[in-house]
Amino acid sequence: MATLTLNYDGRNKTARSIVEMLRSLDIFHVTETPARKSGIELALEDKAAGRVTTWDSPQQMFDTLMAQ
């Protein structure tokens, strides 16, 4: 079986009506893709997992980075 992936902007009324018409034919298997996480959500996950480094000052950060 072939797979056809269609990405469309759901805010566009014409595109939405065409896709709804195609879905009503009941010949397509529709799967929703999970929403991508925002940068803030990824950053909060990093913080919760302990993947964050802190320094006392910008100078200490630059000294540490330059030493590597």
Protein backbone atom coordinates (compact mmCIF):
# COMPACT_ATOMS: atom_id res chain seq x y z
CA MET A 1 0.00 0.00 0.00
CA ALA A 2 1.26 3.49 -0.84
CA THR A 3 1.30 6.25 1.72
CA LEU A 4 0.27 9.78 0.88
CA THR A 5 1.10 12.56 3.31
CA LEU A 6 -0.74 15.84 2.99
CA ASN A 7 0.29 18.86 5.02
CA TYR A 8 -2.09 21.78 4.88
CA ASP A 9 -2.91 24.91 6.80
CA GLY A 10 -6.13 24.24 8.67
CA ARG A 11 -6.81 27.98 8.92
CA ASN A 12 -7.34 28.15 5.14
CA LYS A 13 -11.09 27.61 4.61
CA THR A 14 -10.72 26.31 1.05
CA ALA A 15 -8.01 23.79 1.96
CA ARG A 16 -9.95 22.69 5.02
CA SER A 17 -13.14 22.13 3.01
CA ILE A 18 -11.29 20.14 0.34
CA VAL A 19 -9.64 17.92 2.96
CA GLU A 20 -12.95 17.40 4.76
CA MET A 21 -14.54 16.43 1.45
CA LEU A 22 -11.76 13.90 0.78
CA ARG A 23 -12.09 12.50 4.30
CA SER A 24 -15.83 12.07 3.82
CA LEU A 25 -15.14 9.63 0.98
CA ASP A 26 -14.07 7.18 3.69
CA ILE A 27 -11.22 5.75 1.61
CA PHE A 28 -8.44 7.39 3.58
CA HIS A 29 -6.85 6.40 6.87
CA VAL A 30 -6.23 9.62 8.79
CA THR A 31 -3.56 9.90 11.47
CA GLU A 32 -2.84 13.05 13.39
CA THR A 33 0.80 13.94 13.92
CA PRO A 34 1.72 14.92 17.45
CA ALA A 35 2.33 18.60 18.02
CA ARG A 36 5.95 19.66 18.17
CA LYS A 37 7.21 20.92 21.48
CA SER A 38 8.12 24.58 21.76
CA GLY A 39 11.57 25.75 22.75
CA ILE A 40 10.32 26.65 26.22
CA GLU A 41 8.90 23.15 26.75
CA LEU A 42 12.19 21.58 25.61
CA ALA A 43 14.15 23.90 27.92
CA LEU A 44 11.96 23.00 30.89
CA GLU A 45 12.50 19.30 30.14
CA ASP A 46 16.27 19.91 30.07
CA LYS A 47 16.06 21.69 33.42
CA ALA A 48 14.00 18.87 34.97
CA ALA A 49 16.46 16.27 33.66
CA GLY A 50 19.45 18.17 35.06
CA ARG A 51 20.97 19.02 31.67
CA VAL A 52 21.56 22.65 32.67
CA THR A 53 24.83 24.20 33.76
CA THR A 54 24.94 27.32 35.91
CA TRP A 55 27.75 29.77 36.53
CA ASP A 56 28.22 32.57 39.04
CA SER A 57 29.18 35.13 36.40
CA PRO A 58 29.54 35.53 32.65
CA GLN A 59 33.31 35.65 33.07
CA GLN A 60 33.31 32.26 34.80
CA MET A 61 31.20 30.84 31.96
CA PHE A 62 33.61 32.13 29.29
CA ASP A 63 36.63 30.90 31.24
CA THR A 64 35.08 27.43 31.55
CA LEU A 65 34.11 27.29 27.88
CA MET A 66 37.52 28.48 26.68
CA ALA A 67 39.28 25.89 28.83
CA GLN A 68 37.50 23.04 27.03
